[in-house]
Amino acid sequence: MSPMTEKFSVDEIEDSICQIDCVKAVRIVADQDKNIEEIHVLASPSKGPKQLSRDIESVLMARYGLSVNHRNNQLRP
């Protein structure tokens, strides 16, 4: 995954994802250069995995300008 924007902290992004309906917890794993390597999400079963994935992608794009492709694990600023 590519570098995160310097304007946002991992905590801010985790908080935004946690605001999605059915999301219980989020943990983002980033390296020393603030490259997001993994996004772990714990959610209730009220929303299907595909819809949840789309919702997360939408939040990251709308709020942070980050484009995530869950199919090949790419994050683009």
PDB file of N, CA and C in Angstrom:
ATOM      1  N   MET A   1       0.842  -1.170   0.000  1.00  0.00           N
ATOM      2  CA  MET A   1       0.000   0.000   0.000  1.00  0.00           C
ATOM      3  C   MET A   1       0.890   1.237   0.000  1.00  0.00           C
ATOM      4  N   SER A   2       0.416   2.295  -0.559  1.00  0.00           N
ATOM      5  CA  SER A   2       1.234   3.487  -0.675  1.00  0.00           C
ATOM      6  C   SER A   2       1.112   4.419   0.517  1.00  0.00           C
ATOM      7  N   PRO A   3       1.912   5.487   0.525  1.00  0.00           N
ATOM      8  CA  PRO A   3       1.961   6.355   1.698  1.00  0.00           C
ATOM      9  C   PRO A   3       0.641   7.051   2.004  1.00  0.00           C
ATOM     10  N   MET A   4       0.424   7.250   3.277  1.00  0.00           N
ATOM     11  CA  MET A   4      -0.729   8.025   3.733  1.00  0.00           C
ATOM     12  C   MET A   4      -0.409   9.498   3.570  1.00  0.00           C
ATOM     13  N   THR A   5      -1.420  10.285   3.485  1.00  0.00           N
ATOM     14  CA  THR A   5      -1.255  11.730   3.459  1.00  0.00           C
ATOM     15  C   THR A   5      -0.806  12.194   4.842  1.00  0.00           C
ATOM     16  N   GLU A   6       0.112  13.105   4.865  1.00  0.00           N
ATOM     17  CA  GLU A   6       0.632  13.625   6.129  1.00  0.00           C
ATOM     18  C   GLU A   6      -0.424  14.379   6.930  1.00  0.00           C
ATOM     19  N   LYS A   7      -1.512  14.802   6.297  1.00  0.00           N
ATOM     20  CA  LYS A   7      -2.527  15.615   6.952  1.00  0.00           C
ATOM     21  C   LYS A   7      -3.375  14.839   7.952  1.00  0.00           C
ATOM     22  N   PHE A   8      -3.387  13.516   7.861  1.00  0.00           N
ATOM     23  CA  PHE A   8      -4.299  12.713   8.676  1.00  0.00           C
ATOM     24  C   PHE A   8      -3.534  11.686   9.502  1.00  0.00           C
ATOM     25  N   SER A   9      -4.016  11.479  10.721  1.00  0.00           N
ATOM     26  CA  SER A   9      -3.406  10.458  11.566  1.00  0.00           C
ATOM     27  C   SER A   9      -4.160   9.139  11.405  1.00  0.00           C
ATOM     28  N   VAL A  10      -3.508   8.078  11.766  1.00  0.00           N
ATOM     29  CA  VAL A  10      -4.137   6.758  11.746  1.00  0.00           C
ATOM     30  C   VAL A  10      -5.353   6.763  12.661  1.00  0.00           C
ATOM     31  N   ASP A  11      -5.243   7.422  13.813  1.00  0.00           N
ATOM     32  CA  ASP A  11      -6.365   7.493  14.757  1.00  0.00           C
ATOM     33  C   ASP A  11      -7.583   8.171  14.140  1.00  0.00           C
ATOM     34  N   GLU A  12      -7.362   9.243  13.386  1.00  0.00           N
ATOM     35  CA  GLU A  12      -8.477   9.934  12.720  1.00  0.00           C
ATOM     36  C   GLU A  12      -9.182   9.021  11.728  1.00  0.00           C
ATOM     37  N   ILE A  13      -8.405   8.299  10.954  1.00  0.00           N
ATOM     38  CA  ILE A  13      -8.975   7.408   9.950  1.00  0.00           C
ATOM     39  C   ILE A  13      -9.715   6.260  10.628  1.00  0.00           C
ATOM     40  N   GLU A  14      -9.139   5.704  11.687  1.00  0.00           N
ATOM     41  CA  GLU A  14      -9.831   4.637  12.428  1.00  0.00           C
ATOM     42  C   GLU A  14     -11.154   5.140  12.992  1.00  0.00           C
ATOM     43  N   ASP A  15     -11.159   6.343  13.547  1.00  0.00           N
ATOM     44  CA  ASP A  15     -12.400   6.925  14.095  1.00  0.00           C
ATOM     45  C   ASP A  15     -13.457   7.093  13.005  1.00  0.00           C
ATOM     46  N   SER A  16     -13.049   7.520  11.832  1.00  0.00           N
ATOM     47  CA  SER A  16     -13.994   7.686  10.729  1.00  0.00           C
ATOM     48  C   SER A  16     -14.609   6.358  10.308  1.00  0.00           C
ATOM     49  N   ILE A  17     -13.796   5.332  10.214  1.00  0.00           N
ATOM     50  CA  ILE A  17     -14.315   4.011   9.829  1.00  0.00           C
ATOM     51  C   ILE A  17     -15.243   3.483  10.913  1.00  0.00           C
ATOM     52  N   CYS A  18     -14.947   3.760  12.169  1.00  0.00           N
ATOM     53  CA  CYS A  18     -15.797   3.302  13.278  1.00  0.00           C
ATOM     54  C   CYS A  18     -17.176   3.949  13.255  1.00  0.00           C
ATOM     55  N   GLN A  19     -17.328   5.058  12.560  1.00  0.00           N
ATOM     56  CA  GLN A  19     -18.625   5.710  12.465  1.00  0.00           C
ATOM     57  C   GLN A  19     -19.570   5.014  11.492  1.00  0.00           C
ATOM     58  N   ILE A  20     -19.058   4.085  10.704  1.00  0.00           N
ATOM     59  CA  ILE A  20     -19.897   3.338   9.770  1.00  0.00           C
ATOM     60  C   ILE A  20     -20.798   2.410  10.572  1.00  0.00           C
ATOM     61  N   ASP A  21     -22.086   2.404  10.206  1.00  0.00           N
ATOM     62  CA  ASP A  21     -23.056   1.536  10.870  1.00  0.00           C
ATOM     63  C   ASP A  21     -22.564   0.091  10.840  1.00  0.00           C
ATOM     64  N   CYS A  22     -22.613  -0.579  11.938  1.00  0.00           N
ATOM     65  CA  CYS A  22     -22.249  -1.985  12.167  1.00  0.00           C
ATOM     66  C   CYS A  22     -20.764  -2.199  12.491  1.00  0.00           C
ATOM     67  N   VAL A  23     -19.902  -1.201  12.329  1.00  0.00           N
ATOM     68  CA  VAL A  23     -18.489  -1.357  12.655  1.00  0.00           C
ATOM     69  C   VAL A  23     -18.312  -1.228  14.166  1.00  0.00           C
ATOM     70  N   LYS A  24     -17.678  -2.219  14.751  1.00  0.00           N
ATOM     71  CA  LYS A  24     -17.441  -2.239  16.201  1.00  0.00           C
ATOM     72  C   LYS A  24     -16.036  -1.756  16.569  1.00  0.00           C
ATOM     73  N   ALA A  25     -15.047  -2.134  15.747  1.00  0.00           N
ATOM     74  CA  ALA A  25     -13.668  -1.758  16.036  1.00  0.00           C
ATOM     75  C   ALA A  25     -12.849  -1.778  14.749  1.00  0.00           C
ATOM     76  N   VAL A  26     -11.806  -0.930  14.730  1.00  0.00           N
ATOM     77  CA  VAL A  26     -10.906  -0.850  13.576  1.00  0.00           C
ATOM     78  C   VAL A  26      -9.484  -0.717  14.082  1.00  0.00           C
ATOM     79  N   ARG A  27      -8.569  -1.377  13.409  1.00  0.00           N
ATOM     80  CA  ARG A  27      -7.154  -1.193  13.708  1.00  0.00           C
ATOM     81  C   ARG A  27      -6.418  -1.109  12.381  1.00  0.00           C
ATOM     82  N   ILE A  28      -5.700  -0.012  12.187  1.00  0.00           N
ATOM     83  CA  ILE A  28      -4.888   0.168  10.992  1.00  0.00           C
ATOM     84  C   ILE A  28      -3.440  -0.103  11.367  1.00  0.00           C
ATOM     85  N   VAL A  29      -2.790  -0.918  10.565  1.00  0.00           N
ATOM     86  CA  VAL A  29      -1.372  -1.218  10.762  1.00  0.00           C
ATOM     87  C   VAL A  29      -0.597  -0.403   9.739  1.00  0.00           C
ATOM     88  N   ALA A  30       0.302   0.451  10.232  1.00  0.00           N
ATOM     89  CA  ALA A  30       1.118   1.293   9.357  1.00  0.00           C
ATOM     90  C   ALA A  30       2.586   1.113   9.706  1.00  0.00           C
ATOM     91  N   ASP A  31       3.439   1.311   8.722  1.00  0.00           N
ATOM     92  CA  ASP A  31       4.867   1.206   8.978  1.00  0.00           C
ATOM     93  C   ASP A  31       5.409   2.553   9.465  1.00  0.00           C
ATOM     94  N   GLN A  32       6.711   2.642   9.647  1.00  0.00           N
ATOM     95  CA  GLN A  32       7.335   3.857  10.174  1.00  0.00           C
ATOM     96  C   GLN A  32       7.157   5.063   9.260  1.00  0.00           C
ATOM     97  N   ASP A  33       6.977   4.812   7.966  1.00  0.00           N
ATOM     98  CA  ASP A  33       6.811   5.899   6.998  1.00  0.00           C
ATOM     99  C   ASP A  33       5.348   6.271   6.782  1.00  0.00           C
ATOM    100  N   LYS A  34       4.473   5.787   7.659  1.00  0.00           N
ATOM    101  CA  LYS A  34       3.031   6.036   7.595  1.00  0.00           C
ATOM    102  C   LYS A  34       2.372   5.409   6.374  1.00  0.00           C
ATOM    103  N   ASN A  35       2.955   4.323   5.888  1.00  0.00           N
ATOM    104  CA  ASN A  35       2.323   3.558   4.823  1.00  0.00           C
ATOM    105  C   ASN A  35       1.336   2.600   5.460  1.00  0.00           C
ATOM    106  N   ILE A  36       0.085   2.635   5.027  1.00  0.00           N
ATOM    107  CA  ILE A  36      -0.893   1.689   5.555  1.00  0.00           C
ATOM    108  C   ILE A  36      -0.607   0.330   4.952  1.00  0.00           C
ATOM    109  N   GLU A  37      -0.417  -0.643   5.811  1.00  0.00           N
ATOM    110  CA  GLU A  37      -0.157  -2.000   5.359  1.00  0.00           C
ATOM    111  C   GLU A  37      -1.394  -2.877   5.476  1.00  0.00           C
ATOM    112  N   GLU A  38      -2.191  -2.665   6.519  1.00  0.00           N
ATOM    113  CA  GLU A  38      -3.371  -3.488   6.764  1.00  0.00           C
ATOM    114  C   GLU A  38      -4.462  -2.657   7.430  1.00  0.00           C
ATOM    115  N   ILE A  39      -5.721  -3.022   7.141  1.00  0.00           N
ATOM    116  CA  ILE A  39      -6.863  -2.436   7.831  1.00  0.00           C
ATOM    117  C   ILE A  39      -7.695  -3.597   8.348  1.00  0.00           C
ATOM    118  N   HIS A  40      -7.818  -3.692   9.669  1.00  0.00           N
ATOM    119  CA  HIS A  40      -8.593  -4.764  10.304  1.00  0.00           C
ATOM    120  C   HIS A  40      -9.896  -4.169  10.827  1.00  0.00           C
ATOM    121  N   VAL A  41     -11.011  -4.827  10.512  1.00  0.00           N
ATOM    122  CA  VAL A  41     -12.322  -4.324  10.907  1.00  0.00           C
ATOM    123  C   VAL A  41     -13.119  -5.429  11.574  1.00  0.00           C
ATOM    124  N   LEU A  42     -13.701  -5.112  12.723  1.00  0.00           N
ATOM    125  CA  LEU A  42     -14.626  -6.005  13.423  1.00  0.00           C
ATOM    126  C   LEU A  42     -16.010  -5.384  13.295  1.00  0.00           C
ATOM    127  N   ALA A  43     -16.955  -6.155  12.730  1.00  0.00           N
ATOM    128  CA  ALA A  43     -18.290  -5.606  12.477  1.00  0.00           C
ATOM    129  C   ALA A  43     -19.362  -6.621  12.827  1.00  0.00           C
ATOM    130  N   SER A  44     -20.554  -6.115  13.112  1.00  0.00           N
ATOM    131  CA  SER A  44     -21.697  -6.995  13.350  1.00  0.00           C
ATOM    132  C   SER A  44     -22.156  -7.557  12.000  1.00  0.00           C
ATOM    133  N   PRO A  45     -22.890  -8.660  12.020  1.00  0.00           N
ATOM    134  CA  PRO A  45     -23.311  -9.291  10.767  1.00  0.00           C
ATOM    135  C   PRO A  45     -24.504  -8.616  10.084  1.00  0.00           C
ATOM    136  N   SER A  46     -24.897  -7.439  10.551  1.00  0.00           N
ATOM    137  CA  SER A  46     -26.067  -6.774   9.981  1.00  0.00           C
ATOM    138  C   SER A  46     -25.829  -6.247   8.566  1.00  0.00           C
ATOM    139  N   LYS A  47     -24.583  -6.156   8.150  1.00  0.00           N
ATOM    140  CA  LYS A  47     -24.243  -5.677   6.812  1.00  0.00           C
ATOM    141  C   LYS A  47     -23.311  -6.706   6.160  1.00  0.00           C
ATOM    142  N   GLY A  48     -23.547  -7.004   4.905  1.00  0.00           N
ATOM    143  CA  GLY A  48     -22.709  -7.975   4.204  1.00  0.00           C
ATOM    144  C   GLY A  48     -21.294  -7.467   4.014  1.00  0.00           C
ATOM    145  N   PRO A  49     -20.336  -8.371   3.844  1.00  0.00           N
ATOM    146  CA  PRO A  49     -18.934  -7.970   3.687  1.00  0.00           C
ATOM    147  C   PRO A  49     -18.677  -7.081   2.476  1.00  0.00           C
ATOM    148  N   LYS A  50     -19.346  -7.354   1.363  1.00  0.00           N
ATOM    149  CA  LYS A  50     -19.145  -6.517   0.172  1.00  0.00           C
ATOM    150  C   LYS A  50     -19.616  -5.091   0.415  1.00  0.00           C
ATOM    151  N   GLN A  51     -20.786  -4.938   1.029  1.00  0.00           N
ATOM    152  CA  GLN A  51     -21.302  -3.594   1.291  1.00  0.00           C
ATOM    153  C   GLN A  51     -20.422  -2.865   2.306  1.00  0.00           C
ATOM    154  N   LEU A  52     -19.974  -3.577   3.335  1.00  0.00           N
ATOM    155  CA  LEU A  52     -19.095  -2.973   4.332  1.00  0.00           C
ATOM    156  C   LEU A  52     -17.795  -2.507   3.674  1.00  0.00           C
ATOM    157  N   SER A  53     -17.238  -3.337   2.811  1.00  0.00           N
ATOM    158  CA  SER A  53     -16.019  -2.976   2.104  1.00  0.00           C
ATOM    159  C   SER A  53     -16.232  -1.719   1.258  1.00  0.00           C
ATOM    160  N   ARG A  54     -17.355  -1.642   0.566  1.00  0.00           N
ATOM    161  CA  ARG A  54     -17.670  -0.454  -0.238  1.00  0.00           C
ATOM    162  C   ARG A  54     -17.838   0.774   0.637  1.00  0.00           C
ATOM    163  N   ASP A  55     -18.473   0.616   1.784  1.00  0.00           N
ATOM    164  CA  ASP A  55     -18.652   1.748   2.705  1.00  0.00           C
ATOM    165  C   ASP A  55     -17.305   2.268   3.204  1.00  0.00           C
ATOM    166  N   ILE A  56     -16.407   1.356   3.521  1.00  0.00           N
ATOM    167  CA  ILE A  56     -15.068   1.753   3.989  1.00  0.00           C
ATOM    168  C   ILE A  56     -14.329   2.477   2.867  1.00  0.00           C
ATOM    169  N   GLU A  57     -14.387   1.934   1.662  1.00  0.00           N
ATOM    170  CA  GLU A  57     -13.755   2.588   0.513  1.00  0.00           C
ATOM    171  C   GLU A  57     -14.316   4.001   0.318  1.00  0.00           C
ATOM    172  N   SER A  58     -15.625   4.148   0.466  1.00  0.00           N
ATOM    173  CA  SER A  58     -16.267   5.459   0.285  1.00  0.00           C
ATOM    174  C   SER A  58     -15.820   6.458   1.338  1.00  0.00           C
ATOM    175  N   VAL A  59     -15.736   6.040   2.597  1.00  0.00           N
ATOM    176  CA  VAL A  59     -15.280   6.931   3.670  1.00  0.00           C
ATOM    177  C   VAL A  59     -13.848   7.383   3.414  1.00  0.00           C
ATOM    178  N   LEU A  60     -12.981   6.450   3.036  1.00  0.00           N
ATOM    179  CA  LEU A  60     -11.582   6.802   2.805  1.00  0.00           C
ATOM    180  C   LEU A  60     -11.427   7.769   1.635  1.00  0.00           C
ATOM    181  N   MET A  61     -12.225   7.587   0.595  1.00  0.00           N
ATOM    182  CA  MET A  61     -12.142   8.485  -0.559  1.00  0.00           C
ATOM    183  C   MET A  61     -12.758   9.847  -0.245  1.00  0.00           C
ATOM    184  N   ALA A  62     -13.950   9.845   0.340  1.00  0.00           N
ATOM    185  CA  ALA A  62     -14.665  11.107   0.581  1.00  0.00           C
ATOM    186  C   ALA A  62     -13.972  11.997   1.603  1.00  0.00           C
ATOM    187  N   ARG A  63     -13.480  11.416   2.670  1.00  0.00           N
ATOM    188  CA  ARG A  63     -12.896  12.237   3.749  1.00  0.00           C
ATOM    189  C   ARG A  63     -11.405  12.489   3.598  1.00  0.00           C
ATOM    190  N   TYR A  64     -10.689  11.539   2.975  1.00  0.00           N
ATOM    191  CA  TYR A  64      -9.226  11.625   2.966  1.00  0.00           C
ATOM    192  C   TYR A  64      -8.602  11.587   1.578  1.00  0.00           C
ATOM    193  N   GLY A  65      -9.410  11.361   0.548  1.00  0.00           N
ATOM    194  CA  GLY A  65      -8.865  11.280  -0.800  1.00  0.00           C
ATOM    195  C   GLY A  65      -8.026  10.041  -1.028  1.00  0.00           C
ATOM    196  N   LEU A  66      -8.231   9.014  -0.209  1.00  0.00           N
ATOM    197  CA  LEU A  66      -7.476   7.769  -0.329  1.00  0.00           C
ATOM    198  C   LEU A  66      -8.311   6.745  -1.077  1.00  0.00           C
ATOM    199  N   SER A  67      -7.739   6.190  -2.123  1.00  0.00           N
ATOM    200  CA  SER A  67      -8.427   5.181  -2.916  1.00  0.00           C
ATOM    201  C   SER A  67      -7.913   3.804  -2.534  1.00  0.00           C
ATOM    202  N   VAL A  68      -8.801   2.959  -2.045  1.00  0.00           N
ATOM    203  CA  VAL A  68      -8.439   1.611  -1.616  1.00  0.00           C
ATOM    204  C   VAL A  68      -9.025   0.611  -2.595  1.00  0.00           C
ATOM    205  N   ASN A  69      -8.221  -0.334  -3.001  1.00  0.00           N
ATOM    206  CA  ASN A  69      -8.712  -1.432  -3.815  1.00  0.00           C
ATOM    207  C   ASN A  69      -8.552  -2.697  -2.998  1.00  0.00           C
ATOM    208  N   HIS A  70      -9.656  -3.229  -2.483  1.00  0.00           N
ATOM    209  CA  HIS A  70      -9.591  -4.403  -1.616  1.00  0.00           C
ATOM    210  C   HIS A  70      -9.181  -5.661  -2.360  1.00  0.00           C
ATOM    211  N   ARG A  71      -9.307  -5.677  -3.682  1.00  0.00           N
ATOM    212  CA  ARG A  71      -8.982  -6.875  -4.458  1.00  0.00           C
ATOM    213  C   ARG A  71      -7.489  -7.136  -4.537  1.00  0.00           C
ATOM    214  N   ASN A  72      -6.712  -6.080  -4.656  1.00  0.00           N
ATOM    215  CA  ASN A  72      -5.259  -6.307  -4.749  1.00  0.00           C
ATOM    216  C   ASN A  72      -4.489  -5.535  -3.685  1.00  0.00           C
ATOM    217  N   ASN A  73      -5.185  -5.169  -2.637  1.00  0.00           N
ATOM    218  CA  ASN A  73      -4.567  -4.514  -1.471  1.00  0.00           C
ATOM    219  C   ASN A  73      -3.768  -3.269  -1.827  1.00  0.00           C
ATOM    220  N   GLN A  74      -4.355  -2.401  -2.616  1.00  0.00           N
ATOM    221  CA  GLN A  74      -3.683  -1.160  -2.990  1.00  0.00           C
ATOM    222  C   GLN A  74      -4.363   0.032  -2.340  1.00  0.00           C
ATOM    223  N   LEU A  75      -3.570   0.916  -1.807  1.00  0.00           N
ATOM    224  CA  LEU A  75      -4.062   2.179  -1.257  1.00  0.00           C
ATOM    225  C   LEU A  75      -3.338   3.284  -1.993  1.00  0.00           C
ATOM    226  N   ARG A  76      -4.099   4.183  -2.587  1.00  0.00           N
ATOM    227  CA  ARG A  76      -3.484   5.264  -3.355  1.00  0.00           C
ATOM    228  C   ARG A  76      -3.934   6.618  -2.825  1.00  0.00           C
ATOM    229  N   PRO A  77      -2.971   7.527  -2.559  1.00  0.00           N
ATOM    230  CA  PRO A  77      -3.343   8.873  -2.103  1.00  0.00           C
ATOM    231  C   PRO A  77      -3.871   9.705  -3.252  1.00  0.00           C
TER     232      PRO A  77
END
